[in-house]
Protein backbone atom coordinates (compact mmCIF):
# COMPACT_ATOMS: atom_id res chain seq x y z
CA MET A 1 -55.53 -56.22 -55.30
CA PHE A 2 -58.65 -58.72 -55.64
CA THR A 3 -60.65 -59.43 -58.57
CA GLU A 4 -64.26 -59.35 -58.81
CA GLU A 5 -64.33 -62.92 -59.54
CA GLN A 6 -62.38 -63.72 -56.49
CA ILE A 7 -64.49 -61.68 -54.22
CA GLU A 8 -67.56 -63.40 -55.31
CA ARG A 9 -65.87 -66.98 -55.91
CA GLY A 10 -63.43 -66.68 -53.29
CA PHE A 11 -59.70 -66.22 -53.67
CA TRP A 12 -58.50 -69.48 -54.55
CA TYR A 13 -61.28 -70.17 -57.32
CA TRP A 14 -59.21 -71.66 -60.25
CA ASN A 15 -59.07 -69.56 -63.40
CA MET A 16 -56.75 -71.76 -65.56
CA LEU A 17 -57.26 -68.81 -68.21
CA ASN A 18 -55.26 -66.49 -66.09
CA ASP A 19 -52.70 -69.13 -65.02
CA PHE A 20 -54.27 -69.62 -61.66
CA PRO A 21 -52.82 -72.54 -61.09
CA PRO A 22 -50.54 -73.01 -64.14
CA GLU A 23 -50.43 -76.04 -65.70
CA SER A 24 -49.16 -79.02 -63.00
CA ILE A 25 -45.64 -80.18 -62.94
CA THR A 26 -44.40 -83.80 -61.51
CA LYS A 27 -40.70 -84.25 -61.19
CA PRO A 28 -38.21 -81.61 -59.72
CA ASP A 29 -36.45 -81.49 -63.21
CA GLU A 30 -39.45 -79.88 -64.71
CA TYR A 31 -39.00 -76.53 -62.59
CA GLU A 32 -37.70 -73.94 -64.53
CA GLY A 33 -37.29 -71.31 -61.59
CA GLN A 34 -41.10 -69.78 -62.20
CA SER A 35 -42.63 -67.76 -59.19
CA LYS A 36 -45.84 -69.89 -59.70
CA VAL A 37 -45.79 -73.54 -59.46
CA ASN A 38 -48.51 -76.28 -59.47
CA ILE A 39 -46.78 -79.73 -58.11
CA ALA A 40 -48.96 -82.86 -58.90
CA CYS A 41 -46.46 -85.48 -57.40
CA THR A 42 -48.45 -87.85 -55.64
CA GLN A 43 -51.35 -90.62 -56.76
CA ARG A 44 -49.43 -91.28 -59.32
CA LEU A 45 -51.14 -94.57 -61.12
CA ASP A 46 -48.25 -94.70 -63.54
CA LEU A 47 -45.49 -95.34 -60.85
CA THR A 48 -44.50 -98.41 -58.34
CA ALA A 49 -45.11 -97.74 -54.81
CA GLY A 50 -41.18 -97.42 -54.52
CA GLU A 51 -41.09 -95.15 -57.52
CA GLN A 52 -43.98 -92.96 -55.96
CA LYS A 53 -42.13 -92.60 -52.23
CA LYS A 54 -38.72 -91.67 -54.33
CA LEU A 55 -40.44 -88.97 -56.05
CA VAL A 56 -41.94 -87.56 -53.06
CA ARG A 57 -38.44 -87.92 -51.30
CA ASP A 58 -36.95 -86.07 -54.24
CA TRP A 59 -39.31 -83.06 -54.03
CA ILE A 60 -38.98 -83.07 -50.01
CA ASP A 61 -35.15 -82.30 -50.65
CA TYR A 62 -35.42 -80.14 -53.49
CA LEU A 63 -38.12 -77.88 -52.41
CA PRO A 64 -36.25 -75.78 -49.88
CA SER A 65 -33.73 -74.59 -52.71
CA CYS A 66 -36.43 -73.32 -55.13
CA LYS A 67 -36.36 -69.73 -53.75
CA ASN A 68 -38.10 -68.20 -56.44
CA ILE A 69 -41.38 -69.48 -55.76
CA GLU A 70 -43.66 -67.00 -54.28
CA MET A 71 -47.03 -68.95 -55.40
CA LEU A 72 -47.41 -72.84 -54.59
CA TRP A 73 -50.35 -75.23 -55.15
CA PHE A 74 -50.27 -78.94 -54.65
CA THR A 75 -53.12 -80.17 -56.51
CA THR A 76 -52.86 -83.79 -55.21
CA HIS A 77 -52.41 -85.23 -51.75
CA THR A 78 -50.19 -83.84 -49.57
CA PRO A 79 -47.91 -85.93 -46.96
CA GLN A 80 -46.69 -83.95 -43.61
CA GLN A 81 -43.03 -84.11 -44.75
CA LEU A 82 -43.84 -82.37 -47.73
CA PHE A 83 -45.65 -79.81 -46.34
CA ASP A 84 -42.96 -79.21 -43.94
CA SER A 85 -40.32 -79.00 -46.46
CA VAL A 86 -42.50 -76.09 -48.42
CA CYS A 87 -42.20 -74.26 -44.95
CA ARG A 88 -39.17 -73.53 -45.36
CA LEU A 89 -39.59 -71.44 -48.55
CA GLU A 90 -39.03 -67.99 -46.69
CA ASN A 91 -40.18 -65.96 -49.93
CA LEU A 92 -43.69 -68.14 -50.14
CA VAL A 93 -46.67 -65.62 -50.88
CA GLY A 94 -49.25 -68.21 -51.40
CA LEU A 95 -49.68 -71.75 -50.69
CA LYS A 96 -52.95 -73.88 -51.76
CA VAL A 97 -53.14 -77.63 -50.59
CA LYS A 98 -55.90 -79.53 -52.19
CA TRP A 99 -56.12 -82.22 -49.53
CA SER A 100 -53.75 -83.65 -46.96
CA ASN A 101 -52.98 -85.96 -44.07
CA ILE A 102 -51.23 -83.29 -42.26
CA LYS A 103 -51.58 -83.07 -38.46
CA SER A 104 -49.39 -80.31 -37.46
CA LEU A 105 -49.30 -76.78 -38.66
CA ASP A 106 -46.55 -75.64 -36.63
CA ASN A 107 -43.84 -75.11 -39.49
CA LEU A 108 -46.13 -72.57 -40.69
CA SER A 109 -44.81 -70.03 -38.27
CA ALA A 110 -41.41 -69.51 -40.32
CA LEU A 111 -43.53 -68.12 -43.71
CA ARG A 112 -43.56 -64.90 -42.41
CA LYS A 113 -44.20 -63.44 -46.00
CA LEU A 114 -47.03 -65.85 -46.33
CA ARG A 115 -50.45 -63.75 -47.02
CA TYR A 116 -52.72 -66.15 -48.98
CA LEU A 117 -53.27 -69.98 -47.64
CA GLY A 118 -55.46 -72.58 -48.52
CA ILE A 119 -55.86 -75.81 -46.79
CA GLY A 120 -58.41 -78.51 -48.38
CA SER A 121 -59.79 -81.29 -47.03
CA SER A 122 -57.31 -82.35 -43.96
CA SER A 123 -59.23 -84.04 -41.18
CA GLN A 124 -56.43 -84.75 -39.18
CA VAL A 125 -55.10 -81.49 -38.49
CA GLN A 126 -55.12 -81.22 -34.68
CA SER A 127 -54.60 -77.65 -33.86
CA ILE A 128 -55.24 -74.30 -35.29
CA LEU A 129 -53.05 -72.19 -33.07
CA PRO A 130 -50.15 -71.89 -35.27
CA LEU A 131 -52.47 -69.86 -37.61
CA THR A 132 -52.88 -67.30 -34.71
CA GLU A 133 -48.97 -66.23 -35.07
CA MET A 134 -49.54 -65.31 -38.84
CA THR A 135 -51.18 -62.06 -38.22
CA GLN A 136 -50.08 -61.09 -41.87
CA LEU A 137 -52.62 -63.52 -43.65
CA GLN A 138 -55.13 -61.65 -45.81
CA VAL A 139 -56.72 -65.22 -47.01
CA LEU A 140 -57.62 -68.04 -45.18
CA PHE A 141 -59.51 -71.08 -46.50
CA ILE A 142 -59.92 -74.50 -44.56
CA GLU A 143 -61.73 -77.27 -45.02
CA ASN A 144 -62.76 -80.25 -43.22
CA PHE A 145 -60.55 -79.69 -39.93
CA LYS A 146 -62.84 -82.80 -38.21
CA ARG A 147 -60.80 -82.21 -34.93
CA ILE A 148 -61.47 -78.62 -34.64
CA THR A 149 -64.50 -77.06 -33.46
CA ASP A 150 -63.52 -74.16 -31.62
CA PHE A 151 -62.58 -71.38 -34.44
CA SER A 152 -62.33 -68.68 -31.87
CA PRO A 153 -58.27 -68.53 -32.12
CA LEU A 154 -58.61 -66.81 -35.48
CA VAL A 155 -59.58 -63.47 -33.95
CA THR A 156 -56.21 -62.59 -34.19
CA LEU A 157 -56.19 -62.22 -37.63
CA LYS A 158 -57.37 -58.98 -37.91
CA ASP A 159 -55.74 -58.53 -41.70
CA LEU A 160 -57.72 -61.08 -43.17
CA ARG A 161 -59.99 -60.27 -46.26
CA PHE A 162 -61.12 -63.93 -47.26
CA LEU A 163 -62.23 -66.41 -44.58
CA SER A 164 -63.66 -69.82 -45.48
CA ILE A 165 -64.81 -72.24 -43.02
CA GLU A 166 -66.18 -75.37 -44.86
CA GLY A 167 -66.89 -79.11 -44.51
CA GLY A 168 -65.72 -81.66 -47.07
CA MET A 169 -67.85 -83.01 -50.01
CA TYR A 170 -69.42 -85.69 -47.75
CA THR A 171 -68.70 -84.35 -44.13
CA LYS A 172 -70.08 -81.22 -42.21
CA GLN A 173 -67.50 -79.34 -40.49
CA LYS A 174 -68.83 -78.76 -36.90
CA VAL A 175 -68.76 -75.24 -35.51
CA ASP A 176 -69.16 -74.35 -31.93
CA THR A 177 -70.04 -70.60 -32.67
CA PHE A 178 -69.64 -67.96 -35.09
CA GLU A 179 -69.67 -65.11 -32.89
CA PRO A 180 -65.76 -64.67 -32.89
CA ILE A 181 -65.91 -64.07 -36.78
CA SER A 182 -67.75 -60.73 -35.90
CA GLU A 183 -64.28 -59.43 -34.90
CA LEU A 184 -62.84 -59.97 -38.08
CA SER A 185 -63.90 -56.47 -39.28
CA ASN A 186 -61.65 -56.41 -42.18
CA LEU A 187 -63.84 -59.36 -43.94
CA ILE A 188 -64.92 -58.96 -47.48
CA HIS A 189 -65.65 -62.60 -48.38
CA PHE A 190 -66.96 -64.95 -45.92
CA SER A 191 -67.77 -68.61 -46.78
CA ALA A 192 -69.30 -71.16 -44.40
CA VAL A 193 -70.78 -74.27 -46.23
CA MET A 194 -71.28 -77.98 -45.37
CA ILE A 195 -71.41 -76.80 -41.62
CA SER A 196 -73.23 -78.04 -38.72
CA CYS A 197 -73.47 -75.26 -36.06
CA PRO A 198 -76.00 -75.37 -33.25
CA ASP A 199 -76.30 -71.39 -33.59
CA LYS A 200 -77.88 -70.52 -36.78
CA ARG A 201 -78.14 -66.65 -36.31
CA ILE A 202 -76.52 -64.28 -38.51
CA ASP A 203 -76.26 -61.72 -36.12
CA PRO A 204 -72.35 -62.19 -36.18
CA ILE A 205 -72.31 -61.74 -39.90
CA LEU A 206 -74.39 -58.33 -39.38
CA LYS A 207 -71.39 -56.82 -37.85
CA LEU A 208 -68.92 -57.20 -40.74
CA LYS A 209 -69.43 -53.86 -42.15
CA LYS A 210 -66.89 -54.34 -45.12
CA LEU A 211 -68.59 -57.78 -46.20
CA LYS A 212 -69.26 -57.91 -50.22
CA ALA A 213 -69.97 -61.62 -50.39
CA LEU A 214 -71.27 -64.00 -48.34
CA LYS A 215 -71.84 -67.88 -48.61
CA TRP A 216 -73.88 -69.47 -45.52
CA PHE A 217 -74.75 -72.89 -44.18
CA ARG A 218 -78.39 -72.68 -44.51
CA THR A 219 -81.11 -71.45 -46.64
CA LEU A 220 -81.97 -68.10 -45.02
CA PRO A 221 -85.40 -66.75 -44.74
CA THR A 222 -86.68 -63.41 -46.19
CA GLU A 223 -86.42 -61.55 -42.77
CA ASP A 224 -82.65 -62.55 -42.55
CA ILE A 225 -81.98 -61.48 -46.03
CA ASP A 226 -83.68 -57.97 -45.53
CA ARG A 227 -81.46 -57.72 -42.66
CA LEU A 228 -78.48 -58.39 -44.69
CA LYS A 229 -79.72 -55.89 -47.33
CA SER A 230 -80.25 -53.31 -44.85
CA GLU A 231 -77.52 -53.69 -42.24
CA LEU A 232 -74.23 -54.68 -44.99
CA PRO A 233 -74.34 -51.83 -47.43
CA ASN A 234 -71.25 -53.49 -49.47
CA LEU A 235 -72.90 -56.79 -49.44
CA LYS A 236 -73.01 -57.84 -53.29
CA TYR A 237 -73.31 -61.56 -53.20
CA PHE A 238 -75.79 -62.80 -51.14
CA PRO A 239 -76.33 -66.61 -50.04
CA GLY A 240 -78.91 -68.15 -52.33
CA ARG A 241 -78.59 -65.55 -54.95
CA TYR A 242 -78.75 -68.27 -57.60
CA SER A 243 -81.74 -69.74 -56.54
CA GLN A 244 -84.11 -66.65 -55.42
CA GLU A 245 -84.34 -63.35 -56.61
CA ILE A 246 -82.25 -60.60 -54.44
């Protein structure tokens, strides 16, 4: 189901050679009914402000009719109304947002077939509680949710295989504790980079016996690497593996 490259680098790792994502389109009339779509309809320097607003409005109105879409990427900024429009695509299996000003995730609950979700830098998201209803998720990537520090609600997502909780390029994501993550026993990939967390122990991670790839927010001492080797028999991709001999 998941490629070795995805297990090592993360599910949403770009692989243009494999059409993941496909070439972007800008206007609704460029959509030809394909199941995998990459939309880049904002941040257009060639449009006036009025033309840009109209283009986004055209997509908001048009997207709910695109019933064939199963995998969707937004590779430019995503406003709330556009995000809410996507949440009417009942056949959507995967959604990746590069960055946004989304405040509410409430409408995600309508996407009962969604298994792969990635929400890039979105510092205005006010609550992750809507995610707790999406127990079918296998992949969850969230980045720079500045208003959130308690990620314990995610323990309801027992079917998760991939989980990434990351900070932005210049801002660390605050996390109260990683202890709840130990309950997600099906994880094979866990990424926690650009993180500020008072508890730096790896003990919660040692309970993830199926884990194959780990990215950690700090350099681990030799004794912690040894513990990972000893207690996680399936772990293949260690934190810091490019800078130290494993």
